[in-house]
Amino acid sequence: MALADKYRLGERIGGGGMAEVFAATLSGAEGFARRVAIKRVLPTWSADPAFADMFVNEARIASLLQHPNVVSVLDFDRDADGRLFLVMEFIDGVDLRQLIHTGALPPPIAAHVTAEMLRALDYAHTLEHGGRPLGIVHRDVSPHNVLLSWSGGVKLSDFGIAKAFAATGASATGSVKGKAAYMSPEQAHGRRLDGRADLFAVGVVLHEMLTGRRLFAGATEAESLARMLAMPIPNPREWSPSAPDDLAAVALQLLARDPADRFASAAAALEAVLSCECVTPRGATALAALLRERFPDRAPARPRSAAAPVEAWAAGSGPAELPDGATTPLLPASDAPTRTTAADPTPRPPAVAAGTPAAGDPVVTPVPLPVRSSLWRRAAAAIAIAVVAAVAAYAGARALGGRGAGRAGDRPAATGAEVAPAAAADA
């Protein structure tokens, strides 16, 4: 099937309640072809004027985001049937949700993925257009929306689009769109959001990478919401003793329920992550090696020597240097040293498309204040079951010492990410 005379749809690689995602090929003159991902809005939503207007506006905002850690939006249109669709870059790899399903990540890789997420958020939160801040808040940061390429790149997807879904749901039903297990308390209460709401979600993701366990997920969305709002948040080391103290402390500050107690910005959180002793300057290379190790039947072959950092950390010797040229990351996060995170093994199509919607993305009703006591009482029994024996992580992972990878002089300054060029503003 062809769209707009230039896109040929391939296999369906994802779908949810509002859209479905396909692998596709962009065809041009003289045999030019490029692999892309296309998100087609379902007919019912494409025909809804309020949703269509919001989707168009948010697609326009998403097109302004040009950053190595953000999935690029390449085109926007309607097909012959009037269905809205977005064209995005195609990421050949897995999402972080799949990677975490394979087990806890080595701390250097968890730090790397967290740093790359924060670079994306710092860029988006501070982006200006026409001399004024855009005030972009992702609102749906979760492992599902963190895409990992086989070469070790980390990209955050669905900027702006999650906001479009949320606004439509709120205007239609008085409810808030989002994943309760990753939603910030202020988002659950329907309050005005700023970038610190995204930082709470990053804290949940970091906690889950370090422990290999879901933090707030319950049997139902209501139970997940109750846990997020009132469950005592465990130090990651309680569930995974090998989690480094400094990185665990970063996770706990990100998870502060009062936004004022979190880091003031993504840039401040990034600086804290980069100060952790487990940080390695070859994070992308180590991530690529871990993906090959955990997805041997899907990842493209690479030199075996590139697996050394992951094996060394698992053996308790801490981060190791890679031979020069072992594997060059396809999507470098910045000009500064990159960091790394681990992989996830859930069976799935051979590639992950940007912004593939989860089939069961929930709509969560805003919770009136106060809610803490009543909700937590209902969730207490489930939480008691959830807090089980600590996950056995990588033995000796805290044998970090003062290795060169952790020296402050080897780390980039935590400045704001580059701003998209002015020419992109009208794209």
Protein backbone atom coordinates (compact mmCIF):
# COMPACT_ATOMS: atom_id res chain seq x y z
CA MET A 1 0.00 0.00 0.00
CA ALA A 2 1.31 3.46 -0.90
CA LEU A 3 0.75 6.73 0.97
CA ALA A 4 1.03 10.18 -0.63
CA ASP A 5 2.59 8.54 -3.72
CA LYS A 6 5.97 8.22 -2.02
CA TYR A 7 5.66 5.97 1.03
CA ARG A 8 5.16 2.23 0.69
CA LEU A 9 3.93 0.53 3.84
CA GLY A 10 5.58 -2.66 5.02
CA GLU A 11 4.85 -4.76 8.08
CA ARG A 12 2.76 -3.49 10.96
CA ILE A 13 5.14 -3.20 13.91
CA GLY A 14 2.97 -1.67 16.60
CA GLY A 15 -0.43 -0.34 17.50
CA GLY A 16 -2.67 0.98 20.22
CA GLY A 17 -5.99 2.63 20.82
CA MET A 18 -5.31 5.68 18.68
CA ALA A 19 -2.78 4.75 16.03
CA GLU A 20 -0.87 1.93 14.38
CA VAL A 21 2.75 1.95 13.27
CA PHE A 22 4.27 0.47 10.13
CA ALA A 23 7.75 0.00 8.76
CA ALA A 24 7.78 1.78 5.41
CA THR A 25 9.99 2.88 2.55
CA LEU A 26 10.33 6.41 1.24
CA SER A 27 10.97 6.32 -2.51
CA GLY A 28 12.51 9.13 -4.53
CA ALA A 29 14.01 9.86 -7.91
CA GLU A 30 16.76 7.72 -9.47
CA GLY A 31 16.08 4.77 -7.19
CA PHE A 32 16.50 6.71 -3.93
CA ALA A 33 14.99 4.85 -0.98
CA ARG A 34 15.01 5.34 2.78
CA ARG A 35 13.54 3.18 5.53
CA VAL A 36 11.12 5.10 7.77
CA ALA A 37 8.43 4.44 10.36
CA ILE A 38 4.88 5.68 9.77
CA LYS A 39 2.31 6.22 12.49
CA ARG A 40 -1.24 6.25 11.08
CA VAL A 41 -3.99 7.62 13.28
CA LEU A 42 -7.03 5.34 13.36
CA PRO A 43 -10.04 6.54 11.30
CA THR A 44 -12.22 7.43 14.30
CA TRP A 45 -9.59 9.75 15.73
CA SER A 46 -8.60 11.24 12.38
CA ALA A 47 -12.23 12.27 11.90
CA ASP A 48 -12.44 13.93 15.32
CA PRO A 49 -11.89 17.69 14.73
CA ALA A 50 -10.58 18.41 18.23
CA PHE A 51 -8.09 15.56 18.09
CA ALA A 52 -7.03 16.37 14.53
CA ASP A 53 -6.34 20.03 15.41
CA MET A 54 -4.32 19.06 18.46
CA PHE A 55 -2.42 16.34 16.61
CA VAL A 56 -1.50 18.75 13.81
CA ASN A 57 -0.27 21.33 16.32
CA GLU A 58 1.78 18.84 18.27
CA ALA A 59 3.21 17.31 15.10
CA ARG A 60 4.37 20.78 14.15
CA ILE A 61 6.08 21.18 17.52
CA ALA A 62 7.65 17.72 17.24
CA SER A 63 9.10 18.68 13.87
CA LEU A 64 11.12 21.42 15.59
CA LEU A 65 13.01 18.92 17.74
CA GLN A 66 16.37 18.20 16.12
CA HIS A 67 18.68 16.41 18.53
CA PRO A 68 20.76 13.21 18.47
CA ASN A 69 18.74 11.75 21.35
CA VAL A 70 15.28 12.56 19.96
CA VAL A 71 13.49 10.54 17.28
CA SER A 72 13.06 12.89 14.30
CA VAL A 73 9.70 13.62 12.71
CA LEU A 74 10.27 13.81 8.95
CA ASP A 75 6.83 14.44 7.45
CA PHE A 76 3.14 14.83 8.23
CA ASP A 77 0.14 14.36 5.94
CA ARG A 78 -3.23 12.73 5.33
CA ASP A 79 -3.68 9.67 3.16
CA ALA A 80 -6.33 9.14 0.47
CA ASP A 81 -8.80 8.04 3.16
CA GLY A 82 -8.26 11.19 5.19
CA ARG A 83 -6.25 9.46 7.89
CA LEU A 84 -3.53 11.53 9.57
CA PHE A 85 -0.05 10.07 9.56
CA LEU A 86 3.41 10.96 10.81
CA VAL A 87 6.65 9.89 9.19
CA MET A 88 9.54 9.30 11.59
CA GLU A 89 13.06 8.01 11.40
CA PHE A 90 13.31 4.25 11.71
CA ILE A 91 15.34 2.95 14.67
CA ASP A 92 16.72 -0.53 14.08
CA GLY A 93 16.96 -2.12 17.51
CA VAL A 94 14.78 -2.66 20.59
CA ASP A 95 13.06 -0.47 23.14
CA LEU A 96 14.18 -0.18 26.74
CA ARG A 97 11.13 -2.08 27.96
CA GLN A 98 12.35 -5.14 26.08
CA LEU A 99 15.84 -4.70 27.45
CA ILE A 100 14.73 -4.47 31.09
CA HIS A 101 12.72 -7.65 30.62
CA THR A 102 16.03 -9.46 30.21
CA GLY A 103 17.10 -8.38 33.72
CA ALA A 104 18.73 -5.53 35.59
CA LEU A 105 21.26 -3.51 33.64
CA PRO A 106 24.89 -3.08 34.67
CA PRO A 107 25.09 0.25 36.50
CA PRO A 108 27.41 1.87 33.89
CA ILE A 109 24.84 1.13 31.20
CA ALA A 110 21.92 2.31 33.36
CA ALA A 111 23.82 5.56 33.93
CA HIS A 112 24.50 5.91 30.20
CA VAL A 113 20.88 5.46 29.16
CA THR A 114 19.72 7.83 31.89
CA ALA A 115 22.20 10.47 30.76
CA GLU A 116 21.05 10.20 27.15
CA MET A 117 17.41 10.54 28.20
CA LEU A 118 18.27 13.62 30.22
CA ARG A 119 20.13 15.16 27.29
CA ALA A 120 17.00 14.78 25.19
CA LEU A 121 14.80 16.27 27.90
CA ASP A 122 17.17 19.16 28.63
CA TYR A 123 17.09 20.08 24.94
CA ALA A 124 13.29 19.84 24.70
CA HIS A 125 12.55 21.62 27.97
CA THR A 126 14.71 24.61 27.04
CA LEU A 127 13.82 24.83 23.33
CA GLU A 128 12.75 28.27 22.11
CA HIS A 129 10.96 29.35 18.96
CA GLY A 130 10.66 32.94 17.81
CA GLY A 131 12.47 34.11 20.93
CA ARG A 132 10.10 32.50 23.43
CA PRO A 133 10.28 29.20 25.33
CA LEU A 134 8.03 26.49 23.94
CA GLY A 135 7.52 24.88 27.35
CA ILE A 136 7.60 21.36 25.94
CA VAL A 137 6.89 18.60 28.45
CA HIS A 138 7.01 15.01 27.22
CA ARG A 139 4.40 13.66 29.68
CA ASP A 140 4.90 10.01 28.69
CA VAL A 141 8.52 9.10 29.45
CA SER A 142 8.65 5.32 29.93
CA PRO A 143 10.84 2.39 28.83
CA HIS A 144 8.48 1.87 25.89
CA ASN A 145 9.42 5.30 24.50
CA VAL A 146 13.20 4.88 24.89
CA LEU A 147 14.55 3.34 21.70
CA LEU A 148 17.95 1.61 21.56
CA SER A 149 19.74 1.01 18.27
CA TRP A 150 21.98 -2.00 17.76
CA SER A 151 24.93 0.40 17.53
CA GLY A 152 24.29 1.73 21.04
CA GLY A 153 22.27 4.86 20.26
CA VAL A 154 19.57 6.02 22.68
CA LYS A 155 16.60 8.06 21.46
CA LEU A 156 13.47 9.32 23.17
CA SER A 157 10.30 9.13 21.07
CA ASP A 158 6.78 10.59 21.10
CA PHE A 159 7.60 14.18 22.06
CA GLY A 160 4.51 16.33 21.80
CA ILE A 161 2.35 13.49 20.55
CA ALA A 162 1.71 12.25 24.08
CA LYS A 163 0.58 15.79 24.92
CA ALA A 164 -1.84 15.76 22.00
CA PHE A 165 -3.38 12.52 23.23
CA ALA A 166 -3.59 13.82 26.77
CA ALA A 167 -5.26 17.08 25.84
CA THR A 168 -7.86 15.33 23.72
CA GLY A 169 -8.63 12.81 26.43
CA ALA A 170 -8.90 15.54 29.04
CA SER A 171 -11.21 17.72 26.99
CA ALA A 172 -13.44 14.81 26.08
CA THR A 173 -13.71 12.93 29.36
CA GLY A 174 -12.08 14.99 32.09
CA SER A 175 -9.29 12.42 32.32
CA VAL A 176 -5.55 12.49 31.81
CA LYS A 177 -3.74 10.29 29.30
CA GLY A 178 -0.63 8.55 30.52
CA LYS A 179 0.89 5.46 32.07
CA ALA A 180 0.08 5.47 35.78
CA ALA A 181 3.24 3.55 36.69
CA TYR A 182 5.43 6.35 35.24
CA MET A 183 3.21 9.38 35.83
CA SER A 184 4.26 12.07 38.28
CA PRO A 185 1.97 12.88 41.23
CA GLU A 186 1.22 16.35 39.87
CA GLN A 187 0.21 14.87 36.52
CA ALA A 188 -2.13 12.40 38.25
CA HIS A 189 -3.76 15.33 40.06
CA GLY A 190 -4.27 17.19 36.78
CA ARG A 191 -2.04 20.09 37.78
CA ARG A 192 -0.07 22.34 35.46
CA LEU A 193 3.16 20.59 34.51
CA ASP A 194 6.73 21.65 33.89
CA GLY A 195 9.85 19.67 33.02
CA ARG A 196 10.17 18.27 36.53
CA ALA A 197 7.22 15.97 35.79
CA ASP A 198 9.39 14.24 33.19
CA LEU A 199 12.22 13.94 35.72
CA PHE A 200 9.99 11.87 38.01
CA ALA A 201 9.40 9.44 35.14
CA VAL A 202 13.15 9.26 34.49
CA GLY A 203 13.59 8.31 38.14
CA VAL A 204 11.13 5.44 37.77
CA VAL A 205 12.95 4.22 34.66
CA LEU A 206 16.37 4.45 36.34
CA HIS A 207 15.10 2.56 39.38
CA GLU A 208 13.78 -0.21 37.11
CA MET A 209 17.01 -0.42 35.13
CA LEU A 210 19.03 -0.85 38.33
CA THR A 211 16.73 -3.47 39.87
CA GLY A 212 15.18 -5.25 36.89
CA ARG A 213 11.78 -4.86 38.58
CA ARG A 214 8.76 -2.65 38.00
CA LEU A 215 8.58 0.00 40.69
CA PHE A 216 4.91 1.03 40.83
CA ALA A 217 3.16 -1.40 38.48
CA GLY A 218 0.12 -3.09 40.00
CA ALA A 219 -2.48 -5.53 38.76
CA THR A 220 -4.67 -2.62 37.63
CA GLU A 221 -4.13 1.00 36.66
CA ALA A 222 -5.84 2.08 39.89
CA GLU A 223 -3.38 -0.01 41.90
CA SER A 224 -0.43 1.41 39.97
CA LEU A 225 -1.74 4.91 40.61
CA ALA A 226 -2.13 4.18 44.33
CA ARG A 227 1.43 2.91 44.56
CA MET A 228 2.82 5.89 42.68
CA LEU A 229 1.02 8.31 44.97
CA ALA A 230 1.64 6.74 48.37
CA MET A 231 3.91 3.71 48.36
CA PRO A 232 7.14 4.19 50.34
CA ILE A 233 9.77 4.38 47.62
CA PRO A 234 12.56 1.87 48.30
CA ASN A 235 16.19 2.67 47.74
CA PRO A 236 17.23 0.70 44.63
CA ARG A 237 19.87 -0.99 46.79
CA GLU A 238 17.11 -2.64 48.85
CA TRP A 239 16.08 -4.60 45.76
CA SER A 240 19.50 -4.77 44.12
CA PRO A 241 22.41 -4.47 46.61
CA SER A 242 24.95 -4.01 43.80
CA ALA A 243 23.39 -0.70 42.74
CA PRO A 244 25.96 2.05 43.45
CA ASP A 245 25.13 4.42 46.30
CA ASP A 246 25.61 7.56 44.23
CA LEU A 247 23.45 6.45 41.29
CA ALA A 248 20.77 5.15 43.70
CA ALA A 249 20.75 8.57 45.37
CA VAL A 250 20.16 10.24 42.00
CA ALA A 251 17.20 7.93 41.40
CA LEU A 252 15.68 8.77 44.78
CA GLN A 253 15.98 12.52 44.22
CA LEU A 254 14.35 12.19 40.80
CA LEU A 255 11.54 10.26 42.52
CA ALA A 256 10.74 12.95 45.09
CA ARG A 257 6.96 13.34 45.10
CA ASP A 258 7.20 17.09 45.68
CA PRO A 259 8.59 18.68 42.48
CA ALA A 260 10.49 21.19 44.61
CA ASP A 261 12.55 18.33 46.07
CA ARG A 262 13.62 16.97 42.67
CA PHE A 263 16.46 18.33 40.58
CA ALA A 264 15.58 21.79 39.32
CA SER A 265 16.15 20.82 35.69
CA ALA A 266 17.19 18.00 33.40
CA ALA A 267 20.60 19.68 33.10
CA ALA A 268 21.07 19.52 36.88
CA ALA A 269 20.04 15.87 36.92
CA LEU A 270 22.43 15.13 34.05
CA GLU A 271 25.31 16.68 35.97
CA ALA A 272 24.50 14.46 38.97
CA VAL A 273 24.44 11.33 36.82
CA LEU A 274 27.75 12.18 35.16
CA SER A 275 29.36 12.61 38.59
CA CYS A 276 28.63 8.99 39.51
CA GLU A 277 31.66 6.71 39.78
CA CYS A 278 30.23 4.01 37.52
CA VAL A 279 30.04 6.26 34.46
CA THR A 280 32.09 4.97 31.53
CA PRO A 281 33.28 7.10 28.60
CA ARG A 282 32.35 4.31 26.17
CA GLY A 283 28.74 3.83 27.18
CA ALA A 284 27.36 3.50 23.66
CA THR A 285 29.88 0.79 22.80
CA ALA A 286 29.10 -1.13 26.00
CA LEU A 287 25.36 -0.80 25.34
CA ALA A 288 25.80 -2.19 21.82
CA ALA A 289 27.74 -5.13 23.26
CA LEU A 290 25.06 -5.81 25.85
CA LEU A 291 22.34 -5.75 23.21
CA ARG A 292 24.24 -8.35 21.19
CA GLU A 293 24.70 -10.43 24.32
CA ARG A 294 21.03 -10.36 25.31
CA PHE A 295 19.54 -10.49 21.79
CA PRO A 296 21.98 -12.83 20.00
CA ASP A 297 19.42 -13.97 17.41
CA ARG A 298 18.38 -10.46 16.43
CA ALA A 299 21.36 -8.16 16.76
CA PRO A 300 23.76 -7.85 13.81
CA ALA A 301 27.15 -9.43 14.36
CA ARG A 302 30.02 -7.29 15.63
CA PRO A 303 33.59 -8.03 16.78
CA ARG A 304 33.54 -10.15 19.91
CA SER A 305 36.06 -7.88 21.65
CA ALA A 306 33.37 -5.21 21.99
CA ALA A 307 31.66 -7.27 24.71
CA ALA A 308 34.55 -6.82 27.11
CA PRO A 309 33.08 -3.98 29.24
CA VAL A 310 29.85 -5.86 29.98
CA GLU A 311 31.64 -9.09 30.83
CA ALA A 312 34.16 -7.24 32.99
CA TRP A 313 31.45 -5.49 34.97
CA ALA A 314 29.48 -8.72 35.46
CA ALA A 315 32.64 -10.36 36.76
CA GLY A 316 33.04 -7.63 39.36
CA SER A 317 36.03 -5.80 37.92
CA GLY A 318 34.19 -2.58 37.16
CA PRO A 319 34.10 -0.63 33.92
CA ALA A 320 36.80 -1.46 31.41
CA GLU A 321 38.29 0.39 28.49
CA LEU A 322 37.49 -0.84 25.01
CA PRO A 323 40.02 -1.23 22.24
CA ASP A 324 39.87 1.76 19.94
CA GLY A 325 37.47 1.26 17.08
CA ALA A 326 35.71 -1.73 18.64
CA THR A 327 32.27 -0.38 17.76
CA THR A 328 31.44 3.20 16.87
CA PRO A 329 27.97 4.31 18.04
CA LEU A 330 25.63 5.22 15.20
CA LEU A 331 23.88 7.92 17.21
CA PRO A 332 26.40 9.78 19.41
CA ALA A 333 24.72 11.70 22.21
CA SER A 334 27.09 14.65 22.11
CA ASP A 335 30.66 15.62 21.49
CA ALA A 336 31.41 14.55 25.04
CA PRO A 337 31.99 11.00 26.25
CA THR A 338 28.87 8.89 26.07
CA ARG A 339 27.50 6.54 28.72
CA THR A 340 25.76 3.15 28.65
CA THR A 341 22.69 1.09 29.66
CA ALA A 342 21.59 -2.52 29.43
CA ALA A 343 19.30 -4.52 27.21
CA ASP A 344 15.89 -6.18 27.21
CA PRO A 345 14.70 -9.46 25.69
CA THR A 346 11.01 -9.46 25.00
CA PRO A 347 10.26 -11.18 21.66
CA ARG A 348 9.15 -8.57 19.16
CA PRO A 349 9.48 -7.54 15.51
CA PRO A 350 13.06 -7.06 14.31
CA ALA A 351 12.99 -3.31 14.75
CA VAL A 352 11.35 -0.66 16.88
CA ALA A 353 9.59 2.24 15.25
CA ALA A 354 9.68 5.65 16.78
CA GLY A 355 6.74 6.29 19.01
CA THR A 356 5.04 2.92 18.64
CA PRO A 357 2.01 3.19 20.92
CA ALA A 358 1.55 0.55 23.57
CA ALA A 359 -1.57 -1.48 22.99
CA GLY A 360 -2.89 -0.87 26.48
CA ASP A 361 -1.94 2.76 27.10
CA PRO A 362 -4.38 3.77 29.83
CA VAL A 363 -6.46 6.85 30.38
CA VAL A 364 -6.15 7.87 34.01
CA THR A 365 -8.71 9.99 35.82
CA PRO A 366 -7.20 12.93 37.75
CA VAL A 367 -7.13 12.22 41.47
CA PRO A 368 -8.61 14.84 43.81
CA LEU A 369 -6.63 15.81 46.90
CA PRO A 370 -6.26 14.36 49.45
CA VAL A 371 -5.79 10.82 48.19
CA ARG A 372 -2.80 9.37 50.00
CA SER A 373 -4.40 7.52 52.90
CA SER A 374 -7.38 5.91 51.22
CA LEU A 375 -5.51 4.86 48.10
CA TRP A 376 -2.58 3.47 49.99
CA ARG A 377 -4.77 1.39 52.27
CA ARG A 378 -6.32 -0.26 49.24
CA ALA A 379 -2.89 -0.91 47.74
CA ALA A 380 -1.12 -2.07 50.92
CA ALA A 381 -1.74 -5.77 50.45
CA ALA A 382 -0.51 -5.69 46.86
CA ILE A 383 2.60 -3.77 47.87
CA ALA A 384 3.45 -6.29 50.55
CA ILE A 385 3.42 -9.00 47.91
CA ALA A 386 5.44 -6.84 45.51
CA VAL A 387 8.32 -6.28 47.92
CA VAL A 388 10.05 -9.66 47.56
CA ALA A 389 13.63 -10.85 47.85
CA ALA A 390 16.23 -8.54 46.31
CA VAL A 391 17.12 -9.22 42.70
CA ALA A 392 20.59 -10.68 42.30
CA ALA A 393 22.43 -8.15 40.14
CA TYR A 394 25.92 -8.07 38.83
CA ALA A 395 28.23 -9.25 41.59
CA GLY A 396 30.94 -6.88 42.63
CA ALA A 397 29.37 -4.07 40.59
CA ARG A 398 30.37 -1.55 43.19
CA ALA A 399 34.08 -2.24 42.82
CA LEU A 400 34.39 1.07 41.02
CA GLY A 401 37.36 2.73 42.71
CA GLY A 402 38.83 5.75 41.01
CA ARG A 403 39.01 4.42 37.49
CA GLY A 404 39.61 6.91 34.74
CA ALA A 405 36.06 6.53 33.44
CA GLY A 406 34.75 8.11 36.62
CA ARG A 407 37.10 11.10 36.89
CA ALA A 408 35.45 14.47 36.71
CA GLY A 409 37.93 15.64 34.13
CA ASP A 410 36.68 13.01 31.70
CA ARG A 411 33.08 14.17 31.85
CA PRO A 412 31.32 16.81 29.75
CA ALA A 413 30.10 19.95 31.39
CA ALA A 414 26.37 19.76 32.12
CA THR A 415 25.35 22.59 29.86
CA GLY A 416 22.07 22.79 27.98
CA ALA A 417 21.80 20.73 24.84
CA GLU A 418 22.16 22.50 21.54
CA VAL A 419 19.11 24.37 20.26
CA ALA A 420 17.63 23.46 16.90
CA PRO A 421 18.81 25.81 14.14
CA ALA A 422 16.43 28.60 13.27
CA ALA A 423 15.88 27.10 9.85
CA ALA A 424 14.24 24.11 11.46
CA ALA A 425 11.63 26.25 13.15
CA ASP A 426 9.51 26.48 10.04
CA ALA A 427 10.02 22.88 8.95
